[in-house]
Amino acid sequence: MASQSNDPRQPSAARPYKPSIVAPQDLPIDYSGFIAVVFGVFGAMFRYKLCSWLAIIFCAQSLANMRNFENDLKQISMAMMFGIMGLVTNYMGLGPRSSPKS
């Protein structure tokens, strides 16, 4: 009982936390979304399977950490399309092929 009477906290002064409102242009850059776009472009243009898979993984990470819905969704969808296009061209054999020289 003695410890409760000497408690310096004041429950009547406690207020609930309210996060401050941040403008969409002031939000930090979504690095995982940018990296997903870069890997997606490299995977689709240079036909690197690893880059296409990394683009898909970074898209999932960016989707999980999305803050600004409208802008981030555009970037994620573009990176996802590049990643899927790279995987389809790599695994299905579509697109231009280099002819082996003998």
PDB file of N, CA and C in Angstrom:
ATOM      1  N   MET A   1       0.807  -1.184   0.000  1.00  0.00           N
ATOM      2  CA  MET A   1       0.000   0.000   0.000  1.00  0.00           C
ATOM      3  C   MET A   1       0.861   1.264   0.000  1.00  0.00           C
ATOM      4  N   ALA A   2       2.020   1.195   0.607  1.00  0.00           N
ATOM      5  CA  ALA A   2       2.873   2.369   0.706  1.00  0.00           C
ATOM      6  C   ALA A   2       3.393   2.779  -0.666  1.00  0.00           C
ATOM      7  N   SER A   3       3.647   1.793  -1.544  1.00  0.00           N
ATOM      8  CA  SER A   3       4.164   2.140  -2.870  1.00  0.00           C
ATOM      9  C   SER A   3       3.103   2.846  -3.713  1.00  0.00           C
ATOM     10  N   GLN A   4       1.825   2.560  -3.500  1.00  0.00           N
ATOM     11  CA  GLN A   4       0.769   3.230  -4.264  1.00  0.00           C
ATOM     12  C   GLN A   4       0.608   4.686  -3.838  1.00  0.00           C
ATOM     13  N   SER A   5       0.822   4.977  -2.605  1.00  0.00           N
ATOM     14  CA  SER A   5       0.673   6.364  -2.149  1.00  0.00           C
ATOM     15  C   SER A   5       1.848   7.240  -2.590  1.00  0.00           C
ATOM     16  N   ASN A   6       3.007   6.631  -2.871  1.00  0.00           N
ATOM     17  CA  ASN A   6       4.187   7.381  -3.304  1.00  0.00           C
ATOM     18  C   ASN A   6       4.365   7.374  -4.828  1.00  0.00           C
ATOM     19  N   ASP A   7       3.358   6.941  -5.559  1.00  0.00           N
ATOM     20  CA  ASP A   7       3.445   6.851  -7.023  1.00  0.00           C
ATOM     21  C   ASP A   7       3.383   8.255  -7.636  1.00  0.00           C
ATOM     22  N   PRO A   8       4.443   8.694  -8.401  1.00  0.00           N
ATOM     23  CA  PRO A   8       4.460  10.060  -8.941  1.00  0.00           C
ATOM     24  C   PRO A   8       3.593  10.233 -10.191  1.00  0.00           C
ATOM     25  N   ARG A   9       3.111   9.140 -10.799  1.00  0.00           N
ATOM     26  CA  ARG A   9       2.304   9.269 -12.017  1.00  0.00           C
ATOM     27  C   ARG A   9       0.942   9.864 -11.698  1.00  0.00           C
ATOM     28  N   GLN A  10       0.407  10.597 -12.666  1.00  0.00           N
ATOM     29  CA  GLN A  10      -0.909  11.204 -12.492  1.00  0.00           C
ATOM     30  C   GLN A  10      -1.858  10.664 -13.560  1.00  0.00           C
ATOM     31  N   PRO A  11      -2.718   9.717 -13.200  1.00  0.00           N
ATOM     32  CA  PRO A  11      -3.610   9.133 -14.205  1.00  0.00           C
ATOM     33  C   PRO A  11      -4.598  10.154 -14.772  1.00  0.00           C
ATOM     34  N   SER A  12      -4.897  11.214 -14.050  1.00  0.00           N
ATOM     35  CA  SER A  12      -5.839  12.207 -14.567  1.00  0.00           C
ATOM     36  C   SER A  12      -5.220  13.059 -15.673  1.00  0.00           C
ATOM     37  N   ALA A  13      -3.891  13.127 -15.747  1.00  0.00           N
ATOM     38  CA  ALA A  13      -3.209  13.924 -16.763  1.00  0.00           C
ATOM     39  C   ALA A  13      -2.903  13.120 -18.023  1.00  0.00           C
ATOM     40  N   ALA A  14      -3.173  11.832 -18.033  1.00  0.00           N
ATOM     41  CA  ALA A  14      -2.875  10.987 -19.192  1.00  0.00           C
ATOM     42  C   ALA A  14      -3.855  11.281 -20.322  1.00  0.00           C
ATOM     43  N   ARG A  15      -3.316  11.387 -21.559  1.00  0.00           N
ATOM     44  CA  ARG A  15      -4.133  11.631 -22.739  1.00  0.00           C
ATOM     45  C   ARG A  15      -3.813  10.569 -23.780  1.00  0.00           C
ATOM     46  N   PRO A  16      -4.771  10.169 -24.590  1.00  0.00           N
ATOM     47  CA  PRO A  16      -4.489   9.175 -25.635  1.00  0.00           C
ATOM     48  C   PRO A  16      -3.586   9.768 -26.724  1.00  0.00           C
ATOM     49  N   TYR A  17      -2.777   8.909 -27.341  1.00  0.00           N
ATOM     50  CA  TYR A  17      -1.844   9.336 -28.375  1.00  0.00           C
ATOM     51  C   TYR A  17      -2.596   9.598 -29.679  1.00  0.00           C
ATOM     52  N   LYS A  18      -2.329  10.739 -30.295  1.00  0.00           N
ATOM     53  CA  LYS A  18      -2.890  11.079 -31.597  1.00  0.00           C
ATOM     54  C   LYS A  18      -1.724  11.380 -32.534  1.00  0.00           C
ATOM     55  N   PRO A  19      -1.517  10.538 -33.574  1.00  0.00           N
ATOM     56  CA  PRO A  19      -0.393  10.798 -34.485  1.00  0.00           C
ATOM     57  C   PRO A  19      -0.611  12.085 -35.267  1.00  0.00           C
ATOM     58  N   SER A  20       0.483  12.779 -35.546  1.00  0.00           N
ATOM     59  CA  SER A  20       0.388  14.022 -36.298  1.00  0.00           C
ATOM     60  C   SER A  20       0.081  13.720 -37.764  1.00  0.00           C
ATOM     61  N   ILE A  21      -0.631  14.623 -38.401  1.00  0.00           N
ATOM     62  CA  ILE A  21      -1.013  14.441 -39.793  1.00  0.00           C
ATOM     63  C   ILE A  21       0.144  14.898 -40.675  1.00  0.00           C
ATOM     64  N   VAL A  22       0.544  14.015 -41.619  1.00  0.00           N
ATOM     65  CA  VAL A  22       1.661  14.300 -42.510  1.00  0.00           C
ATOM     66  C   VAL A  22       1.121  14.374 -43.934  1.00  0.00           C
ATOM     67  N   ALA A  23       1.514  15.382 -44.668  1.00  0.00           N
ATOM     68  CA  ALA A  23       1.089  15.535 -46.060  1.00  0.00           C
ATOM     69  C   ALA A  23       1.720  14.427 -46.912  1.00  0.00           C
ATOM     70  N   PRO A  24       1.016  13.972 -47.964  1.00  0.00           N
ATOM     71  CA  PRO A  24       1.560  12.888 -48.802  1.00  0.00           C
ATOM     72  C   PRO A  24       2.913  13.209 -49.430  1.00  0.00           C
ATOM     73  N   GLN A  25       3.168  14.476 -49.765  1.00  0.00           N
ATOM     74  CA  GLN A  25       4.454  14.811 -50.373  1.00  0.00           C
ATOM     75  C   GLN A  25       5.582  14.833 -49.352  1.00  0.00           C
ATOM     76  N   ASP A  26       5.255  14.854 -48.070  1.00  0.00           N
ATOM     77  CA  ASP A  26       6.282  14.860 -47.026  1.00  0.00           C
ATOM     78  C   ASP A  26       6.619  13.468 -46.505  1.00  0.00           C
ATOM     79  N   LEU A  27       5.939  12.429 -47.005  1.00  0.00           N
ATOM     80  CA  LEU A  27       6.221  11.063 -46.564  1.00  0.00           C
ATOM     81  C   LEU A  27       7.592  10.625 -47.070  1.00  0.00           C
ATOM     82  N   PRO A  28       8.271   9.743 -46.346  1.00  0.00           N
ATOM     83  CA  PRO A  28       9.579   9.274 -46.813  1.00  0.00           C
ATOM     84  C   PRO A  28       9.440   8.430 -48.083  1.00  0.00           C
ATOM     85  N   ILE A  29      10.526   8.326 -48.824  1.00  0.00           N
ATOM     86  CA  ILE A  29      10.537   7.590 -50.087  1.00  0.00           C
ATOM     87  C   ILE A  29      10.383   6.100 -49.807  1.00  0.00           C
ATOM     88  N   ASP A  30       9.617   5.429 -50.661  1.00  0.00           N
ATOM     89  CA  ASP A  30       9.438   3.985 -50.551  1.00  0.00           C
ATOM     90  C   ASP A  30      10.568   3.312 -51.330  1.00  0.00           C
ATOM     91  N   TYR A  31      11.655   3.000 -50.619  1.00  0.00           N
ATOM     92  CA  TYR A  31      12.824   2.447 -51.290  1.00  0.00           C
ATOM     93  C   TYR A  31      12.554   1.050 -51.841  1.00  0.00           C
ATOM     94  N   SER A  32      11.777   0.247 -51.153  1.00  0.00           N
ATOM     95  CA  SER A  32      11.516  -1.103 -51.656  1.00  0.00           C
ATOM     96  C   SER A  32      10.704  -1.061 -52.944  1.00  0.00           C
ATOM     97  N   GLY A  33       9.809  -0.088 -53.093  1.00  0.00           N
ATOM     98  CA  GLY A  33       9.066   0.058 -54.343  1.00  0.00           C
ATOM     99  C   GLY A  33       9.964   0.489 -55.486  1.00  0.00           C
ATOM    100  N   PHE A  34      10.883   1.405 -55.204  1.00  0.00           N
ATOM    101  CA  PHE A  34      11.825   1.850 -56.238  1.00  0.00           C
ATOM    102  C   PHE A  34      12.754   0.711 -56.655  1.00  0.00           C
ATOM    103  N   ILE A  35      13.246  -0.050 -55.694  1.00  0.00           N
ATOM    104  CA  ILE A  35      14.120  -1.182 -56.004  1.00  0.00           C
ATOM    105  C   ILE A  35      13.354  -2.239 -56.797  1.00  0.00           C
ATOM    106  N   ALA A  36      12.077  -2.421 -56.485  1.00  0.00           N
ATOM    107  CA  ALA A  36      11.263  -3.379 -57.232  1.00  0.00           C
ATOM    108  C   ALA A  36      11.133  -2.963 -58.691  1.00  0.00           C
ATOM    109  N   VAL A  37      10.953  -1.676 -58.942  1.00  0.00           N
ATOM    110  CA  VAL A  37      10.861  -1.200 -60.328  1.00  0.00           C
ATOM    111  C   VAL A  37      12.178  -1.434 -61.062  1.00  0.00           C
ATOM    112  N   VAL A  38      13.292  -1.123 -60.412  1.00  0.00           N
ATOM    113  CA  VAL A  38      14.603  -1.299 -61.046  1.00  0.00           C
ATOM    114  C   VAL A  38      14.849  -2.774 -61.363  1.00  0.00           C
ATOM    115  N   PHE A  39      14.606  -3.663 -60.405  1.00  0.00           N
ATOM    116  CA  PHE A  39      14.806  -5.091 -60.654  1.00  0.00           C
ATOM    117  C   PHE A  39      13.829  -5.615 -61.704  1.00  0.00           C
ATOM    118  N   GLY A  40      12.606  -5.103 -61.711  1.00  0.00           N
ATOM    119  CA  GLY A  40      11.634  -5.532 -62.714  1.00  0.00           C
ATOM    120  C   GLY A  40      12.058  -5.161 -64.116  1.00  0.00           C
ATOM    121  N   VAL A  41      12.586  -3.949 -64.274  1.00  0.00           N
ATOM    122  CA  VAL A  41      13.048  -3.517 -65.601  1.00  0.00           C
ATOM    123  C   VAL A  41      14.244  -4.344 -66.045  1.00  0.00           C
ATOM    124  N   PHE A  42      15.208  -4.577 -65.146  1.00  0.00           N
ATOM    125  CA  PHE A  42      16.365  -5.398 -65.505  1.00  0.00           C
ATOM    126  C   PHE A  42      15.957  -6.832 -65.824  1.00  0.00           C
ATOM    127  N   GLY A  43      15.013  -7.364 -65.065  1.00  0.00           N
ATOM    128  CA  GLY A  43      14.563  -8.731 -65.324  1.00  0.00           C
ATOM    129  C   GLY A  43      13.854  -8.874 -66.650  1.00  0.00           C
ATOM    130  N   ALA A  44      13.066  -7.871 -67.020  1.00  0.00           N
ATOM    131  CA  ALA A  44      12.327  -7.948 -68.281  1.00  0.00           C
ATOM    132  C   ALA A  44      13.225  -7.636 -69.482  1.00  0.00           C
ATOM    133  N   MET A  45      14.108  -6.651 -69.351  1.00  0.00           N
ATOM    134  CA  MET A  45      14.916  -6.251 -70.503  1.00  0.00           C
ATOM    135  C   MET A  45      16.108  -7.169 -70.740  1.00  0.00           C
ATOM    136  N   PHE A  46      16.789  -7.553 -69.689  1.00  0.00           N
ATOM    137  CA  PHE A  46      17.993  -8.359 -69.844  1.00  0.00           C
ATOM    138  C   PHE A  46      17.767  -9.847 -69.579  1.00  0.00           C
ATOM    139  N   ARG A  47      16.524 -10.200 -69.303  1.00  0.00           N
ATOM    140  CA  ARG A  47      16.105 -11.597 -69.096  1.00  0.00           C
ATOM    141  C   ARG A  47      16.889 -12.274 -67.965  1.00  0.00           C
ATOM    142  N   TYR A  48      16.960 -11.581 -66.825  1.00  0.00           N
ATOM    143  CA  TYR A  48      17.568 -12.153 -65.628  1.00  0.00           C
ATOM    144  C   TYR A  48      16.452 -12.681 -64.731  1.00  0.00           C
ATOM    145  N   LYS A  49      16.479 -13.980 -64.486  1.00  0.00           N
ATOM    146  CA  LYS A  49      15.438 -14.580 -63.647  1.00  0.00           C
ATOM    147  C   LYS A  49      15.528 -14.065 -62.212  1.00  0.00           C
ATOM    148  N   LEU A  50      16.725 -13.936 -61.707  1.00  0.00           N
ATOM    149  CA  LEU A  50      16.908 -13.499 -60.329  1.00  0.00           C
ATOM    150  C   LEU A  50      16.349 -12.094 -60.119  1.00  0.00           C
ATOM    151  N   CYS A  51      16.576 -11.213 -61.074  1.00  0.00           N
ATOM    152  CA  CYS A  51      16.050  -9.847 -60.948  1.00  0.00           C
ATOM    153  C   CYS A  51      14.523  -9.845 -60.958  1.00  0.00           C
ATOM    154  N   SER A  52      13.916 -10.697 -61.783  1.00  0.00           N
ATOM    155  CA  SER A  52      12.454 -10.761 -61.814  1.00  0.00           C
ATOM    156  C   SER A  52      11.898 -11.271 -60.490  1.00  0.00           C
ATOM    157  N   TRP A  53      12.548 -12.275 -59.927  1.00  0.00           N
ATOM    158  CA  TRP A  53      12.085 -12.793 -58.632  1.00  0.00           C
ATOM    159  C   TRP A  53      12.281 -11.762 -57.526  1.00  0.00           C
ATOM    160  N   LEU A  54      13.391 -11.050 -57.551  1.00  0.00           N
ATOM    161  CA  LEU A  54      13.624 -10.008 -56.550  1.00  0.00           C
ATOM    162  C   LEU A  54      12.605  -8.880 -56.692  1.00  0.00           C
ATOM    163  N   ALA A  55      12.207  -8.565 -57.918  1.00  0.00           N
ATOM    164  CA  ALA A  55      11.182  -7.536 -58.120  1.00  0.00           C
ATOM    165  C   ALA A  55       9.865  -7.959 -57.486  1.00  0.00           C
ATOM    166  N   ILE A  56       9.494  -9.224 -57.629  1.00  0.00           N
ATOM    167  CA  ILE A  56       8.261  -9.717 -57.019  1.00  0.00           C
ATOM    168  C   ILE A  56       8.359  -9.650 -55.490  1.00  0.00           C
ATOM    169  N   ILE A  57       9.504 -10.015 -54.937  1.00  0.00           N
ATOM    170  CA  ILE A  57       9.678  -9.996 -53.483  1.00  0.00           C
ATOM    171  C   ILE A  57       9.625  -8.566 -52.948  1.00  0.00           C
ATOM    172  N   PHE A  58      10.309  -7.645 -53.619  1.00  0.00           N
ATOM    173  CA  PHE A  58      10.274  -6.252 -53.173  1.00  0.00           C
ATOM    174  C   PHE A  58       8.888  -5.638 -53.363  1.00  0.00           C
ATOM    175  N   CYS A  59       8.129  -6.102 -54.359  1.00  0.00           N
ATOM    176  CA  CYS A  59       6.740  -5.632 -54.526  1.00  0.00           C
ATOM    177  C   CYS A  59       5.897  -6.051 -53.332  1.00  0.00           C
ATOM    178  N   ALA A  60       6.080  -7.282 -52.898  1.00  0.00           N
ATOM    179  CA  ALA A  60       5.323  -7.757 -51.736  1.00  0.00           C
ATOM    180  C   ALA A  60       5.696  -6.966 -50.489  1.00  0.00           C
ATOM    181  N   GLN A  61       6.981  -6.665 -50.324  1.00  0.00           N
ATOM    182  CA  GLN A  61       7.412  -5.875 -49.172  1.00  0.00           C
ATOM    183  C   GLN A  61       6.849  -4.465 -49.237  1.00  0.00           C
ATOM    184  N   SER A  62       6.855  -3.868 -50.406  1.00  0.00           N
ATOM    185  CA  SER A  62       6.333  -2.513 -50.561  1.00  0.00           C
ATOM    186  C   SER A  62       4.823  -2.493 -50.349  1.00  0.00           C
ATOM    187  N   LEU A  63       4.142  -3.542 -50.783  1.00  0.00           N
ATOM    188  CA  LEU A  63       2.695  -3.637 -50.583  1.00  0.00           C
ATOM    189  C   LEU A  63       2.354  -3.759 -49.103  1.00  0.00           C
ATOM    190  N   ALA A  64       3.191  -4.484 -48.364  1.00  0.00           N
ATOM    191  CA  ALA A  64       2.948  -4.644 -46.934  1.00  0.00           C
ATOM    192  C   ALA A  64       3.197  -3.357 -46.152  1.00  0.00           C
ATOM    193  N   ASN A  65       4.103  -2.515 -46.641  1.00  0.00           N
ATOM    194  CA  ASN A  65       4.461  -1.281 -45.931  1.00  0.00           C
ATOM    195  C   ASN A  65       3.899  -0.035 -46.605  1.00  0.00           C
ATOM    196  N   MET A  66       2.822  -0.168 -47.349  1.00  0.00           N
ATOM    197  CA  MET A  66       2.279   0.948 -48.119  1.00  0.00           C
ATOM    198  C   MET A  66       1.726   2.026 -47.193  1.00  0.00           C
ATOM    199  N   ARG A  67       2.095   3.291 -47.464  1.00  0.00           N
ATOM    200  CA  ARG A  67       1.597   4.412 -46.662  1.00  0.00           C
ATOM    201  C   ARG A  67       0.635   5.276 -47.460  1.00  0.00           C
ATOM    202  N   ASN A  68       1.036   5.683 -48.642  1.00  0.00           N
ATOM    203  CA  ASN A  68       0.183   6.512 -49.486  1.00  0.00           C
ATOM    204  C   ASN A  68      -0.444   5.597 -50.530  1.00  0.00           C
ATOM    205  N   PHE A  69      -1.721   5.309 -50.380  1.00  0.00           N
ATOM    206  CA  PHE A  69      -2.363   4.260 -51.161  1.00  0.00           C
ATOM    207  C   PHE A  69      -2.306   4.525 -52.661  1.00  0.00           C
ATOM    208  N   GLU A  70      -2.673   5.717 -53.082  1.00  0.00           N
ATOM    209  CA  GLU A  70      -2.811   5.978 -54.517  1.00  0.00           C
ATOM    210  C   GLU A  70      -1.472   5.953 -55.249  1.00  0.00           C
ATOM    211  N   ASN A  71      -0.491   6.683 -54.760  1.00  0.00           N
ATOM    212  CA  ASN A  71       0.809   6.745 -55.439  1.00  0.00           C
ATOM    213  C   ASN A  71       1.566   5.432 -55.328  1.00  0.00           C
ATOM    214  N   ASP A  72       1.552   4.828 -54.157  1.00  0.00           N
ATOM    215  CA  ASP A  72       2.288   3.577 -53.980  1.00  0.00           C
ATOM    216  C   ASP A  72       1.687   2.452 -54.798  1.00  0.00           C
ATOM    217  N   LEU A  73       0.373   2.423 -54.948  1.00  0.00           N
ATOM    218  CA  LEU A  73      -0.260   1.349 -55.709  1.00  0.00           C
ATOM    219  C   LEU A  73       0.121   1.422 -57.182  1.00  0.00           C
ATOM    220  N   LYS A  74       0.277   2.621 -57.714  1.00  0.00           N
ATOM    221  CA  LYS A  74       0.714   2.771 -59.105  1.00  0.00           C
ATOM    222  C   LYS A  74       2.121   2.231 -59.280  1.00  0.00           C
ATOM    223  N   GLN A  75       3.000   2.575 -58.357  1.00  0.00           N
ATOM    224  CA  GLN A  75       4.385   2.129 -58.457  1.00  0.00           C
ATOM    225  C   GLN A  75       4.489   0.620 -58.262  1.00  0.00           C
ATOM    226  N   ILE A  76       3.743   0.080 -57.325  1.00  0.00           N
ATOM    227  CA  ILE A  76       3.789  -1.357 -57.061  1.00  0.00           C
ATOM    228  C   ILE A  76       3.238  -2.134 -58.241  1.00  0.00           C
ATOM    229  N   SER A  77       2.135  -1.650 -58.821  1.00  0.00           N
ATOM    230  CA  SER A  77       1.546  -2.370 -59.953  1.00  0.00           C
ATOM    231  C   SER A  77       2.493  -2.352 -61.154  1.00  0.00           C
ATOM    232  N   MET A  78       3.180  -1.240 -61.390  1.00  0.00           N
ATOM    233  CA  MET A  78       4.135  -1.178 -62.492  1.00  0.00           C
ATOM    234  C   MET A  78       5.296  -2.142 -62.259  1.00  0.00           C
ATOM    235  N   ALA A  79       5.817  -2.173 -61.052  1.00  0.00           N
ATOM    236  CA  ALA A  79       6.921  -3.085 -60.746  1.00  0.00           C
ATOM    237  C   ALA A  79       6.471  -4.534 -60.828  1.00  0.00           C
ATOM    238  N   MET A  80       5.244  -4.814 -60.388  1.00  0.00           N
ATOM    239  CA  MET A  80       4.722  -6.185 -60.458  1.00  0.00           C
ATOM    240  C   MET A  80       4.564  -6.625 -61.909  1.00  0.00           C
ATOM    241  N   MET A  81       4.099  -5.736 -62.771  1.00  0.00           N
ATOM    242  CA  MET A  81       3.947  -6.087 -64.189  1.00  0.00           C
ATOM    243  C   MET A  81       5.306  -6.348 -64.837  1.00  0.00           C
ATOM    244  N   PHE A  82       6.299  -5.542 -64.529  1.00  0.00           N
ATOM    245  CA  PHE A  82       7.644  -5.796 -65.061  1.00  0.00           C
ATOM    246  C   PHE A  82       8.181  -7.130 -64.547  1.00  0.00           C
ATOM    247  N   GLY A  83       7.985  -7.411 -63.269  1.00  0.00           N
ATOM    248  CA  GLY A  83       8.465  -8.674 -62.711  1.00  0.00           C
ATOM    249  C   GLY A  83       7.772  -9.872 -63.325  1.00  0.00           C
ATOM    250  N   ILE A  84       6.460  -9.804 -63.483  1.00  0.00           N
ATOM    251  CA  ILE A  84       5.711 -10.917 -64.084  1.00  0.00           C
ATOM    252  C   ILE A  84       6.080 -11.068 -65.551  1.00  0.00           C
ATOM    253  N   MET A  85       6.220  -9.951 -66.258  1.00  0.00           N
ATOM    254  CA  MET A  85       6.608 -10.019 -67.663  1.00  0.00           C
ATOM    255  C   MET A  85       7.991 -10.650 -67.811  1.00  0.00           C
ATOM    256  N   GLY A  86       8.911 -10.309 -66.919  1.00  0.00           N
ATOM    257  CA  GLY A  86      10.237 -10.918 -66.962  1.00  0.00           C
ATOM    258  C   GLY A  86      10.196 -12.411 -66.684  1.00  0.00           C
ATOM    259  N   LEU A  87       9.371 -12.817 -65.713  1.00  0.00           N
ATOM    260  CA  LEU A  87       9.265 -14.249 -65.421  1.00  0.00           C
ATOM    261  C   LEU A  87       8.619 -15.016 -66.569  1.00  0.00           C
ATOM    262  N   VAL A  88       7.600 -14.441 -67.178  1.00  0.00           N
ATOM    263  CA  VAL A  88       6.932 -15.117 -68.298  1.00  0.00           C
ATOM    264  C   VAL A  88       7.894 -15.271 -69.470  1.00  0.00           C
ATOM    265  N   THR A  89       8.635 -14.213 -69.798  1.00  0.00           N
ATOM    266  CA  THR A  89       9.565 -14.325 -70.922  1.00  0.00           C
ATOM    267  C   THR A  89      10.720 -15.265 -70.615  1.00  0.00           C
ATOM    268  N   ASN A  90      11.119 -15.367 -69.365  1.00  0.00           N
ATOM    269  CA  ASN A  90      12.220 -16.274 -69.025  1.00  0.00           C
ATOM    270  C   ASN A  90      11.791 -17.725 -69.004  1.00  0.00           C
ATOM    271  N   TYR A  91      10.648 -18.007 -68.386  1.00  0.00           N
ATOM    272  CA  TYR A  91      10.261 -19.399 -68.194  1.00  0.00           C
ATOM    273  C   TYR A  91       9.423 -19.960 -69.336  1.00  0.00           C
ATOM    274  N   MET A  92       8.715 -19.117 -70.072  1.00  0.00           N
ATOM    275  CA  MET A  92       7.901 -19.607 -71.178  1.00  0.00           C
ATOM    276  C   MET A  92       8.645 -19.549 -72.502  1.00  0.00           C
ATOM    277  N   GLY A  93       9.757 -18.877 -72.540  1.00  0.00           N
ATOM    278  CA  GLY A  93      10.542 -18.814 -73.764  1.00  0.00           C
ATOM    279  C   GLY A  93       9.985 -17.835 -74.772  1.00  0.00           C
ATOM    280  N   LEU A  94       9.209 -16.874 -74.337  1.00  0.00           N
ATOM    281  CA  LEU A  94       8.665 -15.874 -75.245  1.00  0.00           C
ATOM    282  C   LEU A  94       9.664 -14.753 -75.440  1.00  0.00           C
ATOM    283  N   GLY A  95       9.495 -14.020 -76.492  1.00  0.00           N
ATOM    284  CA  GLY A  95      10.364 -12.884 -76.736  1.00  0.00           C
ATOM    285  C   GLY A  95      11.533 -13.252 -77.618  1.00  0.00           C
ATOM    286  N   PRO A  96      12.370 -12.281 -77.921  1.00  0.00           N
ATOM    287  CA  PRO A  96      13.507 -12.537 -78.828  1.00  0.00           C
ATOM    288  C   PRO A  96      14.543 -13.450 -78.175  1.00  0.00           C
ATOM    289  N   ARG A  97      15.081 -14.330 -78.986  1.00  0.00           N
ATOM    290  CA  ARG A  97      16.126 -15.242 -78.501  1.00  0.00           C
ATOM    291  C   ARG A  97      17.404 -14.979 -79.264  1.00  0.00           C
ATOM    292  N   SER A  98      18.475 -15.171 -78.595  1.00  0.00           N
ATOM    293  CA  SER A  98      19.764 -15.043 -79.295  1.00  0.00           C
ATOM    294  C   SER A  98      20.062 -16.375 -79.967  1.00  0.00           C
ATOM    295  N   SER A  99      20.404 -16.304 -81.244  1.00  0.00           N
ATOM    296  CA  SER A  99      20.681 -17.531 -81.974  1.00  0.00           C
ATOM    297  C   SER A  99      22.100 -17.977 -81.701  1.00  0.00           C
ATOM    298  N   PRO A 100      22.290 -19.282 -81.409  1.00  0.00           N
ATOM    299  CA  PRO A 100      23.657 -19.766 -81.145  1.00  0.00           C
ATOM    300  C   PRO A 100      24.463 -19.814 -82.440  1.00  0.00           C
ATOM    301  N   LYS A 101      25.656 -19.280 -82.397  1.00  0.00           N
ATOM    302  CA  LYS A 101      26.532 -19.265 -83.566  1.00  0.00           C
ATOM    303  C   LYS A 101      27.475 -20.473 -83.486  1.00  0.00           C
ATOM    304  N   SER A 102      27.558 -21.177 -84.595  1.00  0.00           N
ATOM    305  CA  SER A 102      28.428 -22.332 -84.584  1.00  0.00           C
ATOM    306  C   SER A 102      29.677 -22.141 -85.380  1.00  0.00           C
TER     307      SER A 102
END
